[in-house]
Amino acid sequence: MASKIKKLVKKFGFALDGLKSAVSEQVFAIFCVVGLVVFAAMFAFEVSLYEKIILILTVTFVMTLELINSRIERVLDIFQPNQDPNVKVIKDISAAAVLLACFGAAIIGILIFWPHVRSLFF
């Protein structure tokens, strides 16, 4: 039993190492900052429990997609270090998935936070 726990702790360590690596990348670091701003706003404004759940899921989804996108790009760079039009298409589609998720997240953020922000000024 103790060896299973040690293995599990080791796996969590690997995951944390991966997260540290990801934070060193500019785009993921920006997403981390945006996520922290969203979490701060979530508690600064009186949003419902369901809205908090939606915001947490949305931020997590965007960040997870960015991690996947970054890994796809790195793997492709290893297997095809030279410019290749097919690799470019794959990278572009992968980046487009992140962009689409960001647009969706922005819309969700506006729908949830706009009434609170508007009430501060009007």
PDB file of N, CA and C in Angstrom:
ATOM      1  N   MET A   1       0.828  -1.196   0.000  1.00  0.00           N
ATOM      2  CA  MET A   1       0.000   0.000   0.000  1.00  0.00           C
ATOM      3  C   MET A   1       0.873   1.261   0.000  1.00  0.00           C
ATOM      4  N   ALA A   2       1.925   1.258   0.803  1.00  0.00           N
ATOM      5  CA  ALA A   2       2.803   2.431   0.879  1.00  0.00           C
ATOM      6  C   ALA A   2       3.500   2.679  -0.452  1.00  0.00           C
ATOM      7  N   SER A   3       3.845   1.595  -1.162  1.00  0.00           N
ATOM      8  CA  SER A   3       4.508   1.780  -2.459  1.00  0.00           C
ATOM      9  C   SER A   3       3.551   2.380  -3.489  1.00  0.00           C
ATOM     10  N   LYS A   4       2.269   2.042  -3.400  1.00  0.00           N
ATOM     11  CA  LYS A   4       1.281   2.623  -4.311  1.00  0.00           C
ATOM     12  C   LYS A   4       1.133   4.119  -4.052  1.00  0.00           C
ATOM     13  N   ILE A   5       1.151   4.491  -2.796  1.00  0.00           N
ATOM     14  CA  ILE A   5       1.046   5.910  -2.443  1.00  0.00           C
ATOM     15  C   ILE A   5       2.286   6.653  -2.923  1.00  0.00           C
ATOM     16  N   LYS A   6       3.460   6.030  -2.762  1.00  0.00           N
ATOM     17  CA  LYS A   6       4.700   6.649  -3.245  1.00  0.00           C
ATOM     18  C   LYS A   6       4.652   6.869  -4.756  1.00  0.00           C
ATOM     19  N   LYS A   7       4.150   5.871  -5.486  1.00  0.00           N
ATOM     20  CA  LYS A   7       4.035   5.993  -6.939  1.00  0.00           C
ATOM     21  C   LYS A   7       3.071   7.124  -7.313  1.00  0.00           C
ATOM     22  N   LEU A   8       1.968   7.207  -6.595  1.00  0.00           N
ATOM     23  CA  LEU A   8       0.983   8.244  -6.861  1.00  0.00           C
ATOM     24  C   LEU A   8       1.572   9.632  -6.598  1.00  0.00           C
ATOM     25  N   VAL A   9       2.287   9.772  -5.490  1.00  0.00           N
ATOM     26  CA  VAL A   9       2.927  11.046  -5.154  1.00  0.00           C
ATOM     27  C   VAL A   9       3.952  11.412  -6.226  1.00  0.00           C
ATOM     28  N   LYS A  10       4.685  10.417  -6.705  1.00  0.00           N
ATOM     29  CA  LYS A  10       5.678  10.648  -7.753  1.00  0.00           C
ATOM     30  C   LYS A  10       5.010  11.140  -9.035  1.00  0.00           C
ATOM     31  N   LYS A  11       3.865  10.541  -9.382  1.00  0.00           N
ATOM     32  CA  LYS A  11       3.129  10.954 -10.579  1.00  0.00           C
ATOM     33  C   LYS A  11       2.626  12.387 -10.440  1.00  0.00           C
ATOM     34  N   PHE A  12       2.153  12.757  -9.262  1.00  0.00           N
ATOM     35  CA  PHE A  12       1.741  14.137  -9.033  1.00  0.00           C
ATOM     36  C   PHE A  12       2.930  15.081  -9.182  1.00  0.00           C
ATOM     37  N   GLY A  13       4.091  14.633  -8.736  1.00  0.00           N
ATOM     38  CA  GLY A  13       5.316  15.419  -8.891  1.00  0.00           C
ATOM     39  C   GLY A  13       5.635  15.665 -10.354  1.00  0.00           C
ATOM     40  N   PHE A  14       5.474  14.625 -11.184  1.00  0.00           N
ATOM     41  CA  PHE A  14       5.702  14.787 -12.625  1.00  0.00           C
ATOM     42  C   PHE A  14       4.725  15.800 -13.217  1.00  0.00           C
ATOM     43  N   ALA A  15       3.471  15.706 -12.794  1.00  0.00           N
ATOM     44  CA  ALA A  15       2.453  16.640 -13.292  1.00  0.00           C
ATOM     45  C   ALA A  15       2.785  18.072 -12.875  1.00  0.00           C
ATOM     46  N   LEU A  16       3.239  18.249 -11.650  1.00  0.00           N
ATOM     47  CA  LEU A  16       3.617  19.591 -11.194  1.00  0.00           C
ATOM     48  C   LEU A  16       4.830  20.113 -11.953  1.00  0.00           C
ATOM     49  N   ASP A  17       5.762  19.226 -12.273  1.00  0.00           N
ATOM     50  CA  ASP A  17       6.909  19.628 -13.102  1.00  0.00           C
ATOM     51  C   ASP A  17       6.429  20.118 -14.462  1.00  0.00           C
ATOM     52  N   GLY A  18       5.462  19.413 -15.033  1.00  0.00           N
ATOM     53  CA  GLY A  18       4.897  19.817 -16.313  1.00  0.00           C
ATOM     54  C   GLY A  18       4.208  21.166 -16.220  1.00  0.00           C
ATOM     55  N   LEU A  19       3.514  21.398 -15.121  1.00  0.00           N
ATOM     56  CA  LEU A  19       2.850  22.681 -14.922  1.00  0.00           C
ATOM     57  C   LEU A  19       3.871  23.811 -14.793  1.00  0.00           C
ATOM     58  N   LYS A  20       4.968  23.542 -14.093  1.00  0.00           N
ATOM     59  CA  LYS A  20       6.043  24.543 -13.977  1.00  0.00           C
ATOM     60  C   LYS A  20       6.611  24.863 -15.356  1.00  0.00           C
ATOM     61  N   SER A  21       6.802  23.841 -16.163  1.00  0.00           N
ATOM     62  CA  SER A  21       7.290  24.049 -17.537  1.00  0.00           C
ATOM     63  C   SER A  21       6.315  24.895 -18.332  1.00  0.00           C
ATOM     64  N   ALA A  22       5.040  24.606 -18.199  1.00  0.00           N
ATOM     65  CA  ALA A  22       4.014  25.311 -18.965  1.00  0.00           C
ATOM     66  C   ALA A  22       3.958  26.782 -18.567  1.00  0.00           C
ATOM     67  N   VAL A  23       4.089  27.076 -17.276  1.00  0.00           N
ATOM     68  CA  VAL A  23       4.012  28.454 -16.809  1.00  0.00           C
ATOM     69  C   VAL A  23       5.157  29.285 -17.371  1.00  0.00           C
ATOM     70  N   SER A  24       6.258  28.626 -17.729  1.00  0.00           N
ATOM     71  CA  SER A  24       7.388  29.368 -18.296  1.00  0.00           C
ATOM     72  C   SER A  24       7.111  29.806 -19.734  1.00  0.00           C
ATOM     73  N   GLU A  25       6.062  29.270 -20.341  1.00  0.00           N
ATOM     74  CA  GLU A  25       5.694  29.684 -21.693  1.00  0.00           C
ATOM     75  C   GLU A  25       4.780  30.901 -21.601  1.00  0.00           C
ATOM     76  N   GLN A  26       5.030  31.882 -22.458  1.00  0.00           N
ATOM     77  CA  GLN A  26       4.372  33.180 -22.369  1.00  0.00           C
ATOM     78  C   GLN A  26       2.851  33.100 -22.435  1.00  0.00           C
ATOM     79  N   VAL A  27       2.310  32.390 -23.392  1.00  0.00           N
ATOM     80  CA  VAL A  27       0.851  32.354 -23.559  1.00  0.00           C
ATOM     81  C   VAL A  27       0.182  31.700 -22.349  1.00  0.00           C
ATOM     82  N   PHE A  28       0.747  30.604 -21.873  1.00  0.00           N
ATOM     83  CA  PHE A  28       0.155  29.932 -20.718  1.00  0.00           C
ATOM     84  C   PHE A  28       0.254  30.817 -19.480  1.00  0.00           C
ATOM     85  N   ALA A  29       1.352  31.528 -19.332  1.00  0.00           N
ATOM     86  CA  ALA A  29       1.508  32.443 -18.200  1.00  0.00           C
ATOM     87  C   ALA A  29       0.448  33.543 -18.252  1.00  0.00           C
ATOM     88  N   ILE A  30       0.171  34.054 -19.448  1.00  0.00           N
ATOM     89  CA  ILE A  30      -0.884  35.065 -19.606  1.00  0.00           C
ATOM     90  C   ILE A  30      -2.231  34.475 -19.201  1.00  0.00           C
ATOM     91  N   PHE A  31      -2.505  33.250 -19.635  1.00  0.00           N
ATOM     92  CA  PHE A  31      -3.760  32.601 -19.252  1.00  0.00           C
ATOM     93  C   PHE A  31      -3.852  32.420 -17.741  1.00  0.00           C
ATOM     94  N   CYS A  32      -2.727  32.145 -17.090  1.00  0.00           N
ATOM     95  CA  CYS A  32      -2.720  32.023 -15.625  1.00  0.00           C
ATOM     96  C   CYS A  32      -3.113  33.346 -14.971  1.00  0.00           C
ATOM     97  N   VAL A  33      -2.557  34.438 -15.472  1.00  0.00           N
ATOM     98  CA  VAL A  33      -2.884  35.760 -14.931  1.00  0.00           C
ATOM     99  C   VAL A  33      -4.363  36.076 -15.161  1.00  0.00           C
ATOM    100  N   VAL A  34      -4.840  35.819 -16.372  1.00  0.00           N
ATOM    101  CA  VAL A  34      -6.249  36.063 -16.671  1.00  0.00           C
ATOM    102  C   VAL A  34      -7.129  35.199 -15.766  1.00  0.00           C
ATOM    103  N   GLY A  35      -6.741  33.955 -15.572  1.00  0.00           N
ATOM    104  CA  GLY A  35      -7.491  33.071 -14.690  1.00  0.00           C
ATOM    105  C   GLY A  35      -7.548  33.607 -13.269  1.00  0.00           C
ATOM    106  N   LEU A  36      -6.435  34.123 -12.773  1.00  0.00           N
ATOM    107  CA  LEU A  36      -6.418  34.700 -11.421  1.00  0.00           C
ATOM    108  C   LEU A  36      -7.319  35.930 -11.332  1.00  0.00           C
ATOM    109  N   VAL A  37      -7.330  36.746 -12.383  1.00  0.00           N
ATOM    110  CA  VAL A  37      -8.212  37.915 -12.412  1.00  0.00           C
ATOM    111  C   VAL A  37      -9.674  37.460 -12.388  1.00  0.00           C
ATOM    112  N   VAL A  38      -9.991  36.447 -13.171  1.00  0.00           N
ATOM    113  CA  VAL A  38     -11.366  35.926 -13.193  1.00  0.00           C
ATOM    114  C   VAL A  38     -11.744  35.393 -11.815  1.00  0.00           C
ATOM    115  N   PHE A  39     -10.842  34.641 -11.180  1.00  0.00           N
ATOM    116  CA  PHE A  39     -11.149  34.106  -9.848  1.00  0.00           C
ATOM    117  C   PHE A  39     -11.321  35.226  -8.831  1.00  0.00           C
ATOM    118  N   ALA A  40     -10.492  36.261  -8.913  1.00  0.00           N
ATOM    119  CA  ALA A  40     -10.637  37.398  -8.001  1.00  0.00           C
ATOM    120  C   ALA A  40     -11.986  38.091  -8.229  1.00  0.00           C
ATOM    121  N   ALA A  41     -12.336  38.310  -9.491  1.00  0.00           N
ATOM    122  CA  ALA A  41     -13.613  38.958  -9.816  1.00  0.00           C
ATOM    123  C   ALA A  41     -14.786  38.094  -9.367  1.00  0.00           C
ATOM    124  N   MET A  42     -14.605  36.805  -9.460  1.00  0.00           N
ATOM    125  CA  MET A  42     -15.654  35.872  -9.077  1.00  0.00           C
ATOM    126  C   MET A  42     -16.016  36.041  -7.595  1.00  0.00           C
ATOM    127  N   PHE A  43     -15.007  36.336  -6.773  1.00  0.00           N
ATOM    128  CA  PHE A  43     -15.267  36.501  -5.348  1.00  0.00           C
ATOM    129  C   PHE A  43     -15.539  37.956  -4.981  1.00  0.00           C
ATOM    130  N   ALA A  44     -15.078  38.891  -5.816  1.00  0.00           N
ATOM    131  CA  ALA A  44     -15.342  40.310  -5.559  1.00  0.00           C
ATOM    132  C   ALA A  44     -16.803  40.645  -5.834  1.00  0.00           C
ATOM    133  N   PHE A  45     -17.353  40.042  -6.875  1.00  0.00           N
ATOM    134  CA  PHE A  45     -18.753  40.253  -7.209  1.00  0.00           C
ATOM    135  C   PHE A  45     -19.563  39.092  -6.652  1.00  0.00           C
ATOM    136  N   GLU A  46     -20.803  39.348  -6.388  1.00  0.00           N
ATOM    137  CA  GLU A  46     -21.653  38.288  -5.850  1.00  0.00           C
ATOM    138  C   GLU A  46     -22.219  37.454  -6.990  1.00  0.00           C
ATOM    139  N   VAL A  47     -21.408  36.537  -7.494  1.00  0.00           N
ATOM    140  CA  VAL A  47     -21.900  35.642  -8.532  1.00  0.00           C
ATOM    141  C   VAL A  47     -22.418  34.372  -7.861  1.00  0.00           C
ATOM    142  N   SER A  48     -23.365  33.745  -8.498  1.00  0.00           N
ATOM    143  CA  SER A  48     -23.983  32.550  -7.919  1.00  0.00           C
ATOM    144  C   SER A  48     -23.010  31.370  -7.949  1.00  0.00           C
ATOM    145  N   LEU A  49     -23.351  30.343  -7.217  1.00  0.00           N
ATOM    146  CA  LEU A  49     -22.536  29.125  -7.190  1.00  0.00           C
ATOM    147  C   LEU A  49     -22.416  28.547  -8.596  1.00  0.00           C
ATOM    148  N   TYR A  50     -23.521  28.525  -9.335  1.00  0.00           N
ATOM    149  CA  TYR A  50     -23.490  27.971 -10.687  1.00  0.00           C
ATOM    150  C   TYR A  50     -22.613  28.804 -11.614  1.00  0.00           C
ATOM    151  N   GLU A  51     -22.656  30.113 -11.453  1.00  0.00           N
ATOM    152  CA  GLU A  51     -21.781  30.968 -12.257  1.00  0.00           C
ATOM    153  C   GLU A  51     -20.313  30.722 -11.908  1.00  0.00           C
ATOM    154  N   LYS A  52     -20.026  30.535 -10.635  1.00  0.00           N
ATOM    155  CA  LYS A  52     -18.648  30.218 -10.216  1.00  0.00           C
ATOM    156  C   LYS A  52     -18.191  28.909 -10.851  1.00  0.00           C
ATOM    157  N   ILE A  53     -19.059  27.915 -10.843  1.00  0.00           N
ATOM    158  CA  ILE A  53     -18.725  26.618 -11.446  1.00  0.00           C
ATOM    159  C   ILE A  53     -18.451  26.786 -12.937  1.00  0.00           C
ATOM    160  N   ILE A  54     -19.294  27.539 -13.614  1.00  0.00           N
ATOM    161  CA  ILE A  54     -19.108  27.769 -15.052  1.00  0.00           C
ATOM    162  C   ILE A  54     -17.788  28.488 -15.309  1.00  0.00           C
ATOM    163  N   LEU A  55     -17.478  29.505 -14.502  1.00  0.00           N
ATOM    164  CA  LEU A  55     -16.224  30.248 -14.682  1.00  0.00           C
ATOM    165  C   LEU A  55     -15.006  29.365 -14.437  1.00  0.00           C
ATOM    166  N   ILE A  56     -15.057  28.564 -13.390  1.00  0.00           N
ATOM    167  CA  ILE A  56     -13.933  27.661 -13.091  1.00  0.00           C
ATOM    168  C   ILE A  56     -13.739  26.664 -14.228  1.00  0.00           C
ATOM    169  N   LEU A  57     -14.832  26.067 -14.695  1.00  0.00           N
ATOM    170  CA  LEU A  57     -14.741  25.120 -15.809  1.00  0.00           C
ATOM    171  C   LEU A  57     -14.223  25.781 -17.075  1.00  0.00           C
ATOM    172  N   THR A  58     -14.666  27.007 -17.325  1.00  0.00           N
ATOM    173  CA  THR A  58     -14.248  27.720 -18.529  1.00  0.00           C
ATOM    174  C   THR A  58     -12.756  28.034 -18.499  1.00  0.00           C
ATOM    175  N   VAL A  59     -12.286  28.574 -17.389  1.00  0.00           N
ATOM    176  CA  VAL A  59     -10.851  28.889 -17.263  1.00  0.00           C
ATOM    177  C   VAL A  59     -10.024  27.612 -17.372  1.00  0.00           C
ATOM    178  N   THR A  60     -10.459  26.567 -16.697  1.00  0.00           N
ATOM    179  CA  THR A  60      -9.738  25.293 -16.745  1.00  0.00           C
ATOM    180  C   THR A  60      -9.716  24.731 -18.158  1.00  0.00           C
ATOM    181  N   PHE A  61     -10.824  24.836 -18.871  1.00  0.00           N
ATOM    182  CA  PHE A  61     -10.912  24.336 -20.245  1.00  0.00           C
ATOM    183  C   PHE A  61      -9.930  25.058 -21.160  1.00  0.00           C
ATOM    184  N   VAL A  62      -9.908  26.394 -21.084  1.00  0.00           N
ATOM    185  CA  VAL A  62      -8.998  27.170 -21.935  1.00  0.00           C
ATOM    186  C   VAL A  62      -7.547  26.816 -21.624  1.00  0.00           C
ATOM    187  N   MET A  63      -7.211  26.728 -20.356  1.00  0.00           N
ATOM    188  CA  MET A  63      -5.818  26.430 -19.977  1.00  0.00           C
ATOM    189  C   MET A  63      -5.423  25.011 -20.384  1.00  0.00           C
ATOM    190  N   THR A  64      -6.342  24.085 -20.253  1.00  0.00           N
ATOM    191  CA  THR A  64      -6.068  22.706 -20.660  1.00  0.00           C
ATOM    192  C   THR A  64      -5.856  22.622 -22.165  1.00  0.00           C
ATOM    193  N   LEU A  65      -6.707  23.313 -22.924  1.00  0.00           N
ATOM    194  CA  LEU A  65      -6.537  23.336 -24.380  1.00  0.00           C
ATOM    195  C   LEU A  65      -5.190  23.940 -24.771  1.00  0.00           C
ATOM    196  N   GLU A  66      -4.777  24.984 -24.060  1.00  0.00           N
ATOM    197  CA  GLU A  66      -3.477  25.598 -24.362  1.00  0.00           C
ATOM    198  C   GLU A  66      -2.337  24.622 -24.066  1.00  0.00           C
ATOM    199  N   LEU A  67      -2.448  23.862 -22.992  1.00  0.00           N
ATOM    200  CA  LEU A  67      -1.427  22.842 -22.695  1.00  0.00           C
ATOM    201  C   LEU A  67      -1.356  21.814 -23.827  1.00  0.00           C
ATOM    202  N   ILE A  68      -2.507  21.364 -24.276  1.00  0.00           N
ATOM    203  CA  ILE A  68      -2.548  20.383 -25.367  1.00  0.00           C
ATOM    204  C   ILE A  68      -1.972  20.984 -26.645  1.00  0.00           C
ATOM    205  N   ASN A  69      -2.353  22.219 -26.955  1.00  0.00           N
ATOM    206  CA  ASN A  69      -1.833  22.903 -28.139  1.00  0.00           C
ATOM    207  C   ASN A  69      -0.308  23.015 -28.082  1.00  0.00           C
ATOM    208  N   SER A  70       0.208  23.420 -26.943  1.00  0.00           N
ATOM    209  CA  SER A  70       1.670  23.561 -26.804  1.00  0.00           C
ATOM    210  C   SER A  70       2.381  22.231 -27.004  1.00  0.00           C
ATOM    211  N   ARG A  71       1.815  21.159 -26.468  1.00  0.00           N
ATOM    212  CA  ARG A  71       2.454  19.844 -26.612  1.00  0.00           C
ATOM    213  C   ARG A  71       2.384  19.382 -28.056  1.00  0.00           C
ATOM    214  N   ILE A  72       1.273  19.615 -28.725  1.00  0.00           N
ATOM    215  CA  ILE A  72       1.164  19.239 -30.138  1.00  0.00           C
ATOM    216  C   ILE A  72       2.249  19.947 -30.937  1.00  0.00           C
ATOM    217  N   GLU A  73       2.408  21.239 -30.685  1.00  0.00           N
ATOM    218  CA  GLU A  73       3.430  22.003 -31.407  1.00  0.00           C
ATOM    219  C   GLU A  73       4.836  21.474 -31.137  1.00  0.00           C
ATOM    220  N   ARG A  74       5.113  21.158 -29.886  1.00  0.00           N
ATOM    221  CA  ARG A  74       6.459  20.639 -29.555  1.00  0.00           C
ATOM    222  C   ARG A  74       6.718  19.283 -30.199  1.00  0.00           C
ATOM    223  N   VAL A  75       5.737  18.410 -30.164  1.00  0.00           N
ATOM    224  CA  VAL A  75       5.910  17.091 -30.775  1.00  0.00           C
ATOM    225  C   VAL A  75       6.140  17.237 -32.276  1.00  0.00           C
ATOM    226  N   LEU A  76       5.355  18.102 -32.910  1.00  0.00           N
ATOM    227  CA  LEU A  76       5.530  18.306 -34.352  1.00  0.00           C
ATOM    228  C   LEU A  76       6.902  18.899 -34.663  1.00  0.00           C
ATOM    229  N   ASP A  77       7.379  19.786 -33.815  1.00  0.00           N
ATOM    230  CA  ASP A  77       8.705  20.370 -34.019  1.00  0.00           C
ATOM    231  C   ASP A  77       9.813  19.315 -33.903  1.00  0.00           C
ATOM    232  N   ILE A  78       9.602  18.322 -33.064  1.00  0.00           N
ATOM    233  CA  ILE A  78      10.586  17.246 -32.916  1.00  0.00           C
ATOM    234  C   ILE A  78      10.605  16.377 -34.172  1.00  0.00           C
ATOM    235  N   PHE A  79       9.418  15.992 -34.646  1.00  0.00           N
ATOM    236  CA  PHE A  79       9.342  15.090 -35.795  1.00  0.00           C
ATOM    237  C   PHE A  79       9.530  15.779 -37.138  1.00  0.00           C
ATOM    238  N   GLN A  80       9.244  17.069 -37.186  1.00  0.00           N
ATOM    239  CA  GLN A  80       9.398  17.799 -38.439  1.00  0.00           C
ATOM    240  C   GLN A  80       9.941  19.204 -38.128  1.00  0.00           C
ATOM    241  N   PRO A  81      11.247  19.295 -37.879  1.00  0.00           N
ATOM    242  CA  PRO A  81      11.830  20.584 -37.497  1.00  0.00           C
ATOM    243  C   PRO A  81      11.841  21.613 -38.631  1.00  0.00           C
ATOM    244  N   ASN A  82      11.784  21.169 -39.873  1.00  0.00           N
ATOM    245  CA  ASN A  82      11.772  22.090 -41.013  1.00  0.00           C
ATOM    246  C   ASN A  82      10.349  22.548 -41.306  1.00  0.00           C
ATOM    247  N   GLN A  83      10.252  23.659 -42.014  1.00  0.00           N
ATOM    248  CA  GLN A  83       8.935  24.153 -42.410  1.00  0.00           C
ATOM    249  C   GLN A  83       8.239  23.112 -43.293  1.00  0.00           C
ATOM    250  N   ASP A  84       7.026  22.785 -42.929  1.00  0.00           N
ATOM    251  CA  ASP A  84       6.245  21.832 -43.704  1.00  0.00           C
ATOM    252  C   ASP A  84       4.811  22.345 -43.721  1.00  0.00           C
ATOM    253  N   PRO A  85       4.216  22.491 -44.899  1.00  0.00           N
ATOM    254  CA  PRO A  85       2.849  23.036 -44.973  1.00  0.00           C
ATOM    255  C   PRO A  85       1.820  22.188 -44.226  1.00  0.00           C
ATOM    256  N   ASN A  86       2.009  20.885 -44.196  1.00  0.00           N
ATOM    257  CA  ASN A  86       1.072  20.015 -43.479  1.00  0.00           C
ATOM    258  C   ASN A  86       1.168  20.223 -41.973  1.00  0.00           C
ATOM    259  N   VAL A  87       2.394  20.390 -41.479  1.00  0.00           N
ATOM    260  CA  VAL A  87       2.605  20.638 -40.050  1.00  0.00           C
ATOM    261  C   VAL A  87       2.010  21.991 -39.675  1.00  0.00           C
ATOM    262  N   LYS A  88       2.179  22.971 -40.549  1.00  0.00           N
ATOM    263  CA  LYS A  88       1.619  24.297 -40.297  1.00  0.00           C
ATOM    264  C   LYS A  88       0.103  24.226 -40.142  1.00  0.00           C
ATOM    265  N   VAL A  89      -0.548  23.473 -41.000  1.00  0.00           N
ATOM    266  CA  VAL A  89      -2.012  23.340 -40.925  1.00  0.00           C
ATOM    267  C   VAL A  89      -2.410  22.724 -39.585  1.00  0.00           C
ATOM    268  N   ILE A  90      -1.705  21.694 -39.165  1.00  0.00           N
ATOM    269  CA  ILE A  90      -2.017  21.045 -37.884  1.00  0.00           C
ATOM    270  C   ILE A  90      -1.838  22.033 -36.734  1.00  0.00           C
ATOM    271  N   LYS A  91      -0.734  22.760 -36.744  1.00  0.00           N
ATOM    272  CA  LYS A  91      -0.481  23.746 -35.680  1.00  0.00           C
ATOM    273  C   LYS A  91      -1.535  24.849 -35.695  1.00  0.00           C
ATOM    274  N   ASP A  92      -1.901  25.303 -36.891  1.00  0.00           N
ATOM    275  CA  ASP A  92      -2.895  26.369 -37.001  1.00  0.00           C
ATOM    276  C   ASP A  92      -4.256  25.917 -36.474  1.00  0.00           C
ATOM    277  N   ILE A  93      -4.646  24.703 -36.796  1.00  0.00           N
ATOM    278  CA  ILE A  93      -5.929  24.182 -36.319  1.00  0.00           C
ATOM    279  C   ILE A  93      -5.909  24.021 -34.802  1.00  0.00           C
ATOM    280  N   SER A  94      -4.793  23.551 -34.278  1.00  0.00           N
ATOM    281  CA  SER A  94      -4.641  23.401 -32.836  1.00  0.00           C
ATOM    282  C   SER A  94      -4.735  24.757 -32.138  1.00  0.00           C
ATOM    283  N   ALA A  95      -4.082  25.765 -32.701  1.00  0.00           N
ATOM    284  CA  ALA A  95      -4.149  27.116 -32.145  1.00  0.00           C
ATOM    285  C   ALA A  95      -5.554  27.692 -32.279  1.00  0.00           C
ATOM    286  N   ALA A  96      -6.237  27.357 -33.367  1.00  0.00           N
ATOM    287  CA  ALA A  96      -7.602  27.832 -33.573  1.00  0.00           C
ATOM    288  C   ALA A  96      -8.544  27.288 -32.506  1.00  0.00           C
ATOM    289  N   ALA A  97      -8.305  26.073 -32.058  1.00  0.00           N
ATOM    290  CA  ALA A  97      -9.131  25.492 -30.991  1.00  0.00           C
ATOM    291  C   ALA A  97      -9.005  26.331 -29.718  1.00  0.00           C
ATOM    292  N   VAL A  98      -7.788  26.745 -29.405  1.00  0.00           N
ATOM    293  CA  VAL A  98      -7.563  27.584 -28.226  1.00  0.00           C
ATOM    294  C   VAL A  98      -8.235  28.939 -28.421  1.00  0.00           C
ATOM    295  N   LEU A  99      -8.078  29.511 -29.603  1.00  0.00           N
ATOM    296  CA  LEU A  99      -8.692  30.811 -29.890  1.00  0.00           C
ATOM    297  C   LEU A  99     -10.209  30.748 -29.758  1.00  0.00           C
ATOM    298  N   LEU A 100     -10.809  29.707 -30.289  1.00  0.00           N
ATOM    299  CA  LEU A 100     -12.258  29.535 -30.198  1.00  0.00           C
ATOM    300  C   LEU A 100     -12.693  29.418 -28.736  1.00  0.00           C
ATOM    301  N   ALA A 101     -11.945  28.660 -27.952  1.00  0.00           N
ATOM    302  CA  ALA A 101     -12.253  28.524 -26.528  1.00  0.00           C
ATOM    303  C   ALA A 101     -12.129  29.873 -25.816  1.00  0.00           C
ATOM    304  N   CYS A 102     -11.136  30.674 -26.212  1.00  0.00           N
ATOM    305  CA  CYS A 102     -10.961  32.011 -25.621  1.00  0.00           C
ATOM    306  C   CYS A 102     -12.141  32.915 -25.949  1.00  0.00           C
ATOM    307  N   PHE A 103     -12.607  32.867 -27.189  1.00  0.00           N
ATOM    308  CA  PHE A 103     -13.786  33.652 -27.564  1.00  0.00           C
ATOM    309  C   PHE A 103     -14.994  33.238 -26.730  1.00  0.00           C
ATOM    310  N   GLY A 104     -15.189  31.942 -26.606  1.00  0.00           N
ATOM    311  CA  GLY A 104     -16.299  31.445 -25.796  1.00  0.00           C
ATOM    312  C   GLY A 104     -16.164  31.866 -24.339  1.00  0.00           C
ATOM    313  N   ALA A 105     -14.954  31.786 -23.812  1.00  0.00           N
ATOM    314  CA  ALA A 105     -14.709  32.180 -22.421  1.00  0.00           C
ATOM    315  C   ALA A 105     -14.981  33.667 -22.228  1.00  0.00           C
ATOM    316  N   ALA A 106     -14.582  34.478 -23.198  1.00  0.00           N
ATOM    317  CA  ALA A 106     -14.825  35.915 -23.106  1.00  0.00           C
ATOM    318  C   ALA A 106     -16.317  36.208 -23.090  1.00  0.00           C
ATOM    319  N   ILE A 107     -17.058  35.523 -23.935  1.00  0.00           N
ATOM    320  CA  ILE A 107     -18.511  35.728 -23.976  1.00  0.00           C
ATOM    321  C   ILE A 107     -19.143  35.308 -22.647  1.00  0.00           C
ATOM    322  N   ILE A 108     -18.712  34.179 -22.122  1.00  0.00           N
ATOM    323  CA  ILE A 108     -19.223  33.720 -20.820  1.00  0.00           C
ATOM    324  C   ILE A 108     -18.894  34.741 -19.737  1.00  0.00           C
ATOM    325  N   GLY A 109     -17.650  35.232 -19.748  1.00  0.00           N
ATOM    326  CA  GLY A 109     -17.254  36.239 -18.758  1.00  0.00           C
ATOM    327  C   GLY A 109     -18.088  37.500 -18.855  1.00  0.00           C
ATOM    328  N   ILE A 110     -18.321  37.957 -20.065  1.00  0.00           N
ATOM    329  CA  ILE A 110     -19.139  39.162 -20.260  1.00  0.00           C
ATOM    330  C   ILE A 110     -20.565  38.924 -19.765  1.00  0.00           C
ATOM    331  N   LEU A 111     -21.144  37.789 -20.125  1.00  0.00           N
ATOM    332  CA  LEU A 111     -22.522  37.494 -19.705  1.00  0.00           C
ATOM    333  C   LEU A 111     -22.650  37.425 -18.181  1.00  0.00           C
ATOM    334  N   ILE A 112     -21.624  36.886 -17.530  1.00  0.00           N
ATOM    335  CA  ILE A 112     -21.697  36.745 -16.065  1.00  0.00           C
ATOM    336  C   ILE A 112     -21.339  38.046 -15.353  1.00  0.00           C
ATOM    337  N   PHE A 113     -20.281  38.729 -15.810  1.00  0.00           N
ATOM    338  CA  PHE A 113     -19.799  39.893 -15.065  1.00  0.00           C
ATOM    339  C   PHE A 113     -20.436  41.219 -15.468  1.00  0.00           C
ATOM    340  N   TRP A 114     -20.953  41.331 -16.688  1.00  0.00           N
ATOM    341  CA  TRP A 114     -21.475  42.609 -17.153  1.00  0.00           C
ATOM    342  C   TRP A 114     -22.537  43.209 -16.227  1.00  0.00           C
ATOM    343  N   PRO A 115     -23.515  42.449 -15.769  1.00  0.00           N
ATOM    344  CA  PRO A 115     -24.513  43.056 -14.868  1.00  0.00           C
ATOM    345  C   PRO A 115     -23.878  43.623 -13.588  1.00  0.00           C
ATOM    346  N   HIS A 116     -22.850  42.972 -13.078  1.00  0.00           N
ATOM    347  CA  HIS A 116     -22.185  43.439 -11.861  1.00  0.00           C
ATOM    348  C   HIS A 116     -21.363  44.699 -12.122  1.00  0.00           C
ATOM    349  N   VAL A 117     -20.652  44.704 -13.230  1.00  0.00           N
ATOM    350  CA  VAL A 117     -19.837  45.865 -13.596  1.00  0.00           C
ATOM    351  C   VAL A 117     -20.742  47.047 -13.918  1.00  0.00           C
ATOM    352  N   ARG A 118     -21.812  46.805 -14.657  1.00  0.00           N
ATOM    353  CA  ARG A 118     -22.756  47.856 -15.032  1.00  0.00           C
ATOM    354  C   ARG A 118     -23.372  48.507 -13.788  1.00  0.00           C
ATOM    355  N   SER A 119     -23.688  47.695 -12.776  1.00  0.00           N
ATOM    356  CA  SER A 119     -24.311  48.248 -11.561  1.00  0.00           C
ATOM    357  C   SER A 119     -23.332  49.135 -10.786  1.00  0.00           C
ATOM    358  N   LEU A 120     -22.037  48.985 -11.001  1.00  0.00           N
ATOM    359  CA  LEU A 120     -21.064  49.863 -10.340  1.00  0.00           C
ATOM    360  C   LEU A 120     -21.085  51.273 -10.916  1.00  0.00           C
ATOM    361  N   PHE A 121     -21.413  51.394 -12.193  1.00  0.00           N
ATOM    362  CA  PHE A 121     -21.339  52.675 -12.865  1.00  0.00           C
ATOM    363  C   PHE A 121     -22.689  53.323 -13.137  1.00  0.00           C
ATOM    364  N   PHE A 122     -23.765  52.547 -13.140  1.00  0.00           N
ATOM    365  CA  PHE A 122     -25.071  53.107 -13.488  1.00  0.00           C
ATOM    366  C   PHE A 122     -26.066  52.892 -12.376  1.00  0.00           C
TER     367      PHE A 122
END
